[in-house]
Amino acid sequence: MTRLLHISASPRGEASESLGLATAFLDTYRQANPGVDVEHFDLWDGTLPEFGPAAAKVKMDVFAGVEPSGEGVAAWSAAKAAFARFDAADRYLFSVPMWNSGVPYVLKQFIDVVSQPGMVFGFDPVTGYEGLLTGKKAAVIYTGAVWGDGRGPEFGSDFQKPFFEGWLRWAGVSDIASVRFQPNLAAADVDLARKKAHAAVLEVAGSF
């Protein structure tokens, strides 16, 4: 059975534009794929492990071929559990609001927790990195209040999509579909843009 994991980086609940689009996506996806297994991972629910000194040390230890020890044992176990939940899915849906031209810090925390050697990536000193998340697909919903295509630097910059999809491809996920609803606040035609974004989401979901 195909399993889809929805990873939400928005803490705004019903007020979230990205979550509203994600709900529309999932409704359509379920209709097109009866019986599909869908799991939600709210990155703000308190279950995401920290990535602090112990985790950073154990990552480099494992990278160097050293067995985890001390505080690193628990940190490595937590990272492996988070990765296992992530890797168990065949399809990913990410709802990603723009924060300060980039992604919410909790999404970067998720990336840092799961991006471990032998899990998300392999490395060879001659050939470089190898993404290990092969055979998977991702759909990404990007939202943002002020920045938008064609707007000048006074409206911000886009370090959101280039960073996030760069990570996906680095990890081995090359089949990526994305929908943008930006800007969704500082614009005269927000309602029309919202309708277009919903239509785009339904189109992607129907063929995902």
C-alpha atoms as a PDB file:
ATOM      1  CA  MET A   1       0.000   0.000   0.000  1.00  0.00           C
ATOM      2  CA  THR A   2       1.256   3.453  -0.893  1.00  0.00           C
ATOM      3  CA  ARG A   3       1.955   5.618   2.130  1.00  0.00           C
ATOM      4  CA  LEU A   4       1.915   9.415   2.044  1.00  0.00           C
ATOM      5  CA  LEU A   5       3.465  11.469   4.821  1.00  0.00           C
ATOM      6  CA  HIS A   6       2.300  15.063   5.190  1.00  0.00           C
ATOM      7  CA  ILE A   7       4.932  17.145   6.947  1.00  0.00           C
ATOM      8  CA  SER A   8       3.646  20.509   8.126  1.00  0.00           C
ATOM      9  CA  ALA A   9       5.981  23.353   9.043  1.00  0.00           C
ATOM     10  CA  SER A  10       3.222  25.839   9.907  1.00  0.00           C
ATOM     11  CA  PRO A  11       2.169  26.507  13.532  1.00  0.00           C
ATOM     12  CA  ARG A  12      -0.895  28.584  12.547  1.00  0.00           C
ATOM     13  CA  GLY A  13      -3.593  25.916  12.510  1.00  0.00           C
ATOM     14  CA  GLU A  14      -6.811  26.937  10.756  1.00  0.00           C
ATOM     15  CA  ALA A  15      -5.318  30.357   9.953  1.00  0.00           C
ATOM     16  CA  SER A  16      -2.555  28.760   7.883  1.00  0.00           C
ATOM     17  CA  GLU A  17      -2.718  29.204   4.104  1.00  0.00           C
ATOM     18  CA  SER A  18      -0.300  26.310   3.557  1.00  0.00           C
ATOM     19  CA  LEU A  19      -2.370  23.958   5.715  1.00  0.00           C
ATOM     20  CA  GLY A  20      -5.560  24.978   3.925  1.00  0.00           C
ATOM     21  CA  LEU A  21      -3.962  24.097   0.582  1.00  0.00           C
ATOM     22  CA  ALA A  22      -2.588  20.860   2.045  1.00  0.00           C
ATOM     23  CA  THR A  23      -6.076  19.843   3.192  1.00  0.00           C
ATOM     24  CA  ALA A  24      -7.427  20.395  -0.324  1.00  0.00           C
ATOM     25  CA  PHE A  25      -4.527  18.367  -1.731  1.00  0.00           C
ATOM     26  CA  LEU A  26      -5.162  15.451   0.629  1.00  0.00           C
ATOM     27  CA  ASP A  27      -8.915  15.398   0.000  1.00  0.00           C
ATOM     28  CA  THR A  28      -8.309  15.105  -3.741  1.00  0.00           C
ATOM     29  CA  TYR A  29      -5.463  12.628  -3.325  1.00  0.00           C
ATOM     30  CA  ARG A  30      -7.622  10.319  -1.211  1.00  0.00           C
ATOM     31  CA  GLN A  31     -10.420  10.436  -3.789  1.00  0.00           C
ATOM     32  CA  ALA A  32      -7.974   9.496  -6.545  1.00  0.00           C
ATOM     33  CA  ASN A  33      -6.293   6.812  -4.401  1.00  0.00           C
ATOM     34  CA  PRO A  34      -8.920   5.015  -2.265  1.00  0.00           C
ATOM     35  CA  GLY A  35      -7.455   3.208   0.716  1.00  0.00           C
ATOM     36  CA  VAL A  36      -4.176   5.147   0.668  1.00  0.00           C
ATOM     37  CA  ASP A  37      -2.367   5.386   3.999  1.00  0.00           C
ATOM     38  CA  VAL A  38      -1.921   9.054   4.974  1.00  0.00           C
ATOM     39  CA  GLU A  39       0.025  10.163   8.042  1.00  0.00           C
ATOM     40  CA  HIS A  40       0.385  13.713   9.345  1.00  0.00           C
ATOM     41  CA  PHE A  41       3.577  14.941  10.991  1.00  0.00           C
ATOM     42  CA  ASP A  42       3.108  18.334  12.639  1.00  0.00           C
ATOM     43  CA  LEU A  43       6.681  19.486  13.239  1.00  0.00           C
ATOM     44  CA  TRP A  44       5.402  21.664  16.101  1.00  0.00           C
ATOM     45  CA  ASP A  45       3.835  18.800  18.085  1.00  0.00           C
ATOM     46  CA  GLY A  46       6.870  18.334  20.364  1.00  0.00           C
ATOM     47  CA  THR A  47       7.958  14.935  19.017  1.00  0.00           C
ATOM     48  CA  LEU A  48      10.805  16.202  16.825  1.00  0.00           C
ATOM     49  CA  PRO A  49      14.148  15.529  18.554  1.00  0.00           C
ATOM     50  CA  GLU A  50      16.547  18.363  19.257  1.00  0.00           C
ATOM     51  CA  PHE A  51      19.723  18.645  17.241  1.00  0.00           C
ATOM     52  CA  GLY A  52      22.184  19.992  19.778  1.00  0.00           C
ATOM     53  CA  PRO A  53      25.775  19.318  20.859  1.00  0.00           C
ATOM     54  CA  ALA A  54      25.329  15.569  21.450  1.00  0.00           C
ATOM     55  CA  ALA A  55      23.598  15.048  18.095  1.00  0.00           C
ATOM     56  CA  ALA A  56      26.169  17.121  16.214  1.00  0.00           C
ATOM     57  CA  LYS A  57      29.023  15.149  17.791  1.00  0.00           C
ATOM     58  CA  VAL A  58      27.514  11.740  17.099  1.00  0.00           C
ATOM     59  CA  LYS A  59      26.821  12.674  13.469  1.00  0.00           C
ATOM     60  CA  MET A  60      30.497  13.444  12.924  1.00  0.00           C
ATOM     61  CA  ASP A  61      31.512  10.335  14.884  1.00  0.00           C
ATOM     62  CA  VAL A  62      29.371   8.114  12.677  1.00  0.00           C
ATOM     63  CA  PHE A  63      30.624   9.947   9.598  1.00  0.00           C
ATOM     64  CA  ALA A  64      34.157   9.035  10.717  1.00  0.00           C
ATOM     65  CA  GLY A  65      33.225   5.413  11.430  1.00  0.00           C
ATOM     66  CA  VAL A  66      33.188   5.767  15.228  1.00  0.00           C
ATOM     67  CA  GLU A  67      30.465   4.033  17.261  1.00  0.00           C
ATOM     68  CA  PRO A  68      28.144   6.356  19.225  1.00  0.00           C
ATOM     69  CA  SER A  69      28.920   6.586  22.924  1.00  0.00           C
ATOM     70  CA  GLY A  70      27.769   8.503  25.997  1.00  0.00           C
ATOM     71  CA  GLU A  71      25.050  11.068  25.282  1.00  0.00           C
ATOM     72  CA  GLY A  72      25.487  10.308  21.598  1.00  0.00           C
ATOM     73  CA  VAL A  73      23.753   6.927  21.962  1.00  0.00           C
ATOM     74  CA  ALA A  74      20.396   8.514  22.836  1.00  0.00           C
ATOM     75  CA  ALA A  75      20.827  11.258  20.219  1.00  0.00           C
ATOM     76  CA  TRP A  76      21.609   8.699  17.505  1.00  0.00           C
ATOM     77  CA  SER A  77      18.650   6.538  18.531  1.00  0.00           C
ATOM     78  CA  ALA A  78      16.311   9.562  18.317  1.00  0.00           C
ATOM     79  CA  ALA A  79      17.658  10.505  14.880  1.00  0.00           C
ATOM     80  CA  LYS A  80      17.207   6.941  13.614  1.00  0.00           C
ATOM     81  CA  ALA A  81      13.606   6.850  14.870  1.00  0.00           C
ATOM     82  CA  ALA A  82      12.778  10.173  13.176  1.00  0.00           C
ATOM     83  CA  PHE A  83      14.374   8.983   9.951  1.00  0.00           C
ATOM     84  CA  ALA A  84      12.512   5.651  10.059  1.00  0.00           C
ATOM     85  CA  ARG A  85       9.191   7.501  10.258  1.00  0.00           C
ATOM     86  CA  PHE A  86      10.242   9.668   7.330  1.00  0.00           C
ATOM     87  CA  ASP A  87      11.655   6.851   5.207  1.00  0.00           C
ATOM     88  CA  ALA A  88       8.586   4.632   5.684  1.00  0.00           C
ATOM     89  CA  ALA A  89       6.608   6.828   3.259  1.00  0.00           C
ATOM     90  CA  ASP A  90       6.591   6.487  -0.527  1.00  0.00           C
ATOM     91  CA  ARG A  91       5.133   9.943  -1.121  1.00  0.00           C
ATOM     92  CA  TYR A  92       5.689  13.225   0.713  1.00  0.00           C
ATOM     93  CA  LEU A  93       3.557  16.339   0.990  1.00  0.00           C
ATOM     94  CA  PHE A  94       5.277  19.330   2.582  1.00  0.00           C
ATOM     95  CA  SER A  95       3.423  22.487   3.580  1.00  0.00           C
ATOM     96  CA  VAL A  96       6.081  25.184   3.845  1.00  0.00           C
ATOM     97  CA  PRO A  97       5.380  28.815   4.746  1.00  0.00           C
ATOM     98  CA  MET A  98       8.074  31.429   4.107  1.00  0.00           C
ATOM     99  CA  TRP A  99       9.689  32.871   7.207  1.00  0.00           C
ATOM    100  CA  ASN A 100      12.146  35.734   6.767  1.00  0.00           C
ATOM    101  CA  SER A 101      12.818  34.770   3.145  1.00  0.00           C
ATOM    102  CA  GLY A 102      13.544  31.162   4.151  1.00  0.00           C
ATOM    103  CA  VAL A 103      11.856  28.221   5.849  1.00  0.00           C
ATOM    104  CA  PRO A 104      10.619  27.945   9.456  1.00  0.00           C
ATOM    105  CA  TYR A 105      13.408  26.913  11.826  1.00  0.00           C
ATOM    106  CA  VAL A 106      11.513  23.772  12.814  1.00  0.00           C
ATOM    107  CA  LEU A 107      11.754  22.506   9.225  1.00  0.00           C
ATOM    108  CA  LYS A 108      15.509  23.122   9.239  1.00  0.00           C
ATOM    109  CA  GLN A 109      15.616  21.213  12.545  1.00  0.00           C
ATOM    110  CA  PHE A 110      13.808  18.293  10.894  1.00  0.00           C
ATOM    111  CA  ILE A 111      16.289  18.341   8.014  1.00  0.00           C
ATOM    112  CA  ASP A 112      19.235  18.372  10.417  1.00  0.00           C
ATOM    113  CA  VAL A 113      17.805  15.485  12.465  1.00  0.00           C
ATOM    114  CA  VAL A 114      17.124  13.108   9.560  1.00  0.00           C
ATOM    115  CA  SER A 115      20.057  14.034   7.290  1.00  0.00           C
ATOM    116  CA  GLN A 116      22.413  11.434   8.673  1.00  0.00           C
ATOM    117  CA  PRO A 117      25.146   9.363   6.993  1.00  0.00           C
ATOM    118  CA  GLY A 118      23.844   6.008   5.854  1.00  0.00           C
ATOM    119  CA  MET A 119      20.259   7.237   6.114  1.00  0.00           C
ATOM    120  CA  VAL A 120      19.621  10.249   3.880  1.00  0.00           C
ATOM    121  CA  PHE A 121      23.048  10.339   2.272  1.00  0.00           C
ATOM    122  CA  GLY A 122      26.177   8.395   1.526  1.00  0.00           C
ATOM    123  CA  PHE A 123      29.580   9.901   0.844  1.00  0.00           C
ATOM    124  CA  ASP A 124      32.629   8.927  -1.151  1.00  0.00           C
ATOM    125  CA  PRO A 125      35.794  11.068  -1.003  1.00  0.00           C
ATOM    126  CA  VAL A 126      36.217  10.700  -4.769  1.00  0.00           C
ATOM    127  CA  THR A 127      32.638  10.859  -6.099  1.00  0.00           C
ATOM    128  CA  GLY A 128      31.104  12.980  -3.327  1.00  0.00           C
ATOM    129  CA  TYR A 129      27.585  12.736  -1.901  1.00  0.00           C
ATOM    130  CA  GLU A 130      24.965  10.174  -2.869  1.00  0.00           C
ATOM    131  CA  GLY A 131      21.286  10.712  -2.039  1.00  0.00           C
ATOM    132  CA  LEU A 132      19.735   7.574  -0.585  1.00  0.00           C
ATOM    133  CA  LEU A 133      16.025   8.506  -0.688  1.00  0.00           C
ATOM    134  CA  THR A 134      15.441   6.978  -4.095  1.00  0.00           C
ATOM    135  CA  GLY A 135      12.115   5.956  -5.649  1.00  0.00           C
ATOM    136  CA  LYS A 136      10.110   8.577  -3.748  1.00  0.00           C
ATOM    137  CA  LYS A 137       7.987  11.543  -4.864  1.00  0.00           C
ATOM    138  CA  ALA A 138       7.389  14.881  -3.176  1.00  0.00           C
ATOM    139  CA  ALA A 139       4.780  17.612  -3.502  1.00  0.00           C
ATOM    140  CA  VAL A 140       5.569  20.941  -1.865  1.00  0.00           C
ATOM    141  CA  ILE A 141       3.185  23.785  -1.074  1.00  0.00           C
ATOM    142  CA  TYR A 142       4.963  27.115  -0.664  1.00  0.00           C
ATOM    143  CA  THR A 143       3.220  30.131   0.837  1.00  0.00           C
ATOM    144  CA  GLY A 144       4.410  33.566   1.846  1.00  0.00           C
ATOM    145  CA  ALA A 145       2.862  36.892   2.754  1.00  0.00           C
ATOM    146  CA  VAL A 146       4.967  39.515   0.948  1.00  0.00           C
ATOM    147  CA  TRP A 147       7.546  38.077  -1.464  1.00  0.00           C
ATOM    148  CA  GLY A 148       6.408  37.019  -4.939  1.00  0.00           C
ATOM    149  CA  ASP A 149       7.783  36.413  -8.429  1.00  0.00           C
ATOM    150  CA  GLY A 150       8.594  39.680 -10.183  1.00  0.00           C
ATOM    151  CA  ARG A 151       8.801  41.749  -7.018  1.00  0.00           C
ATOM    152  CA  GLY A 152      11.886  43.777  -6.220  1.00  0.00           C
ATOM    153  CA  PRO A 153      14.288  43.236  -3.299  1.00  0.00           C
ATOM    154  CA  GLU A 154      12.298  45.651  -1.161  1.00  0.00           C
ATOM    155  CA  PHE A 155       9.726  42.825  -0.900  1.00  0.00           C
ATOM    156  CA  GLY A 156      12.284  40.261   0.239  1.00  0.00           C
ATOM    157  CA  SER A 157      14.116  37.374  -1.412  1.00  0.00           C
ATOM    158  CA  ASP A 158      13.457  33.707  -2.074  1.00  0.00           C
ATOM    159  CA  PHE A 159      15.711  31.420  -0.029  1.00  0.00           C
ATOM    160  CA  GLN A 160      12.741  29.125   0.590  1.00  0.00           C
ATOM    161  CA  LYS A 161      12.229  27.006  -2.543  1.00  0.00           C
ATOM    162  CA  PRO A 162      15.885  26.899  -3.716  1.00  0.00           C
ATOM    163  CA  PHE A 163      17.023  25.724  -0.277  1.00  0.00           C
ATOM    164  CA  PHE A 164      14.288  23.184   0.291  1.00  0.00           C
ATOM    165  CA  GLU A 165      14.264  21.594  -3.141  1.00  0.00           C
ATOM    166  CA  GLY A 166      18.050  21.642  -3.160  1.00  0.00           C
ATOM    167  CA  TRP A 167      17.909  19.498  -0.022  1.00  0.00           C
ATOM    168  CA  LEU A 168      15.320  17.147  -1.518  1.00  0.00           C
ATOM    169  CA  ARG A 169      17.445  16.555  -4.619  1.00  0.00           C
ATOM    170  CA  TRP A 170      20.615  16.170  -2.535  1.00  0.00           C
ATOM    171  CA  ALA A 171      18.757  13.514  -0.522  1.00  0.00           C
ATOM    172  CA  GLY A 172      17.804  11.615  -3.690  1.00  0.00           C
ATOM    173  CA  VAL A 173      14.232  12.869  -4.273  1.00  0.00           C
ATOM    174  CA  SER A 174      14.164  14.194  -7.833  1.00  0.00           C
ATOM    175  CA  ASP A 175      10.450  13.783  -8.644  1.00  0.00           C
ATOM    176  CA  ILE A 176       9.108  17.035  -7.186  1.00  0.00           C
ATOM    177  CA  ALA A 177       5.884  18.944  -7.876  1.00  0.00           C
ATOM    178  CA  SER A 178       5.338  22.346  -6.303  1.00  0.00           C
ATOM    179  CA  VAL A 179       2.588  24.932  -5.916  1.00  0.00           C
ATOM    180  CA  ARG A 180       3.156  28.508  -4.803  1.00  0.00           C
ATOM    181  CA  PHE A 181       0.713  30.951  -3.235  1.00  0.00           C
ATOM    182  CA  GLN A 182       2.901  34.029  -2.897  1.00  0.00           C
ATOM    183  CA  PRO A 183       2.196  36.723  -1.946  1.00  0.00           C
ATOM    184  CA  ASN A 184      -0.911  35.944   0.064  1.00  0.00           C
ATOM    185  CA  LEU A 185      -1.133  39.178   2.051  1.00  0.00           C
ATOM    186  CA  ALA A 186       0.486  42.227   0.472  1.00  0.00           C
ATOM    187  CA  ALA A 187      -1.292  42.068  -2.897  1.00  0.00           C
ATOM    188  CA  ALA A 188      -4.445  43.466  -4.484  1.00  0.00           C
ATOM    189  CA  ASP A 189      -5.690  40.183  -6.007  1.00  0.00           C
ATOM    190  CA  VAL A 190      -5.231  37.737  -3.122  1.00  0.00           C
ATOM    191  CA  ASP A 191      -8.620  36.034  -3.563  1.00  0.00           C
ATOM    192  CA  LEU A 192      -7.953  35.328  -7.238  1.00  0.00           C
ATOM    193  CA  ALA A 193      -4.437  34.094  -6.455  1.00  0.00           C
ATOM    194  CA  ARG A 194      -5.840  31.812  -3.753  1.00  0.00           C
ATOM    195  CA  LYS A 195      -8.315  30.300  -6.214  1.00  0.00           C
ATOM    196  CA  LYS A 196      -5.516  29.704  -8.715  1.00  0.00           C
ATOM    197  CA  ALA A 197      -3.355  28.087  -6.040  1.00  0.00           C
ATOM    198  CA  HIS A 198      -6.211  25.776  -5.000  1.00  0.00           C
ATOM    199  CA  ALA A 199      -6.805  24.790  -8.621  1.00  0.00           C
ATOM    200  CA  ALA A 200      -3.101  24.037  -9.041  1.00  0.00           C
ATOM    201  CA  VAL A 201      -3.073  21.961  -5.854  1.00  0.00           C
ATOM    202  CA  LEU A 202      -6.021  19.877  -7.033  1.00  0.00           C
ATOM    203  CA  GLU A 203      -4.341  19.277 -10.384  1.00  0.00           C
ATOM    204  CA  VAL A 204      -1.106  18.100  -8.743  1.00  0.00           C
ATOM    205  CA  ALA A 205      -2.949  15.929  -6.216  1.00  0.00           C
ATOM    206  CA  GLY A 206      -5.057  14.242  -8.882  1.00  0.00           C
ATOM    207  CA  SER A 207      -1.987  12.959 -10.719  1.00  0.00           C
ATOM    208  CA  PHE A 208       0.318  12.439  -7.740  1.00  0.00           C
END
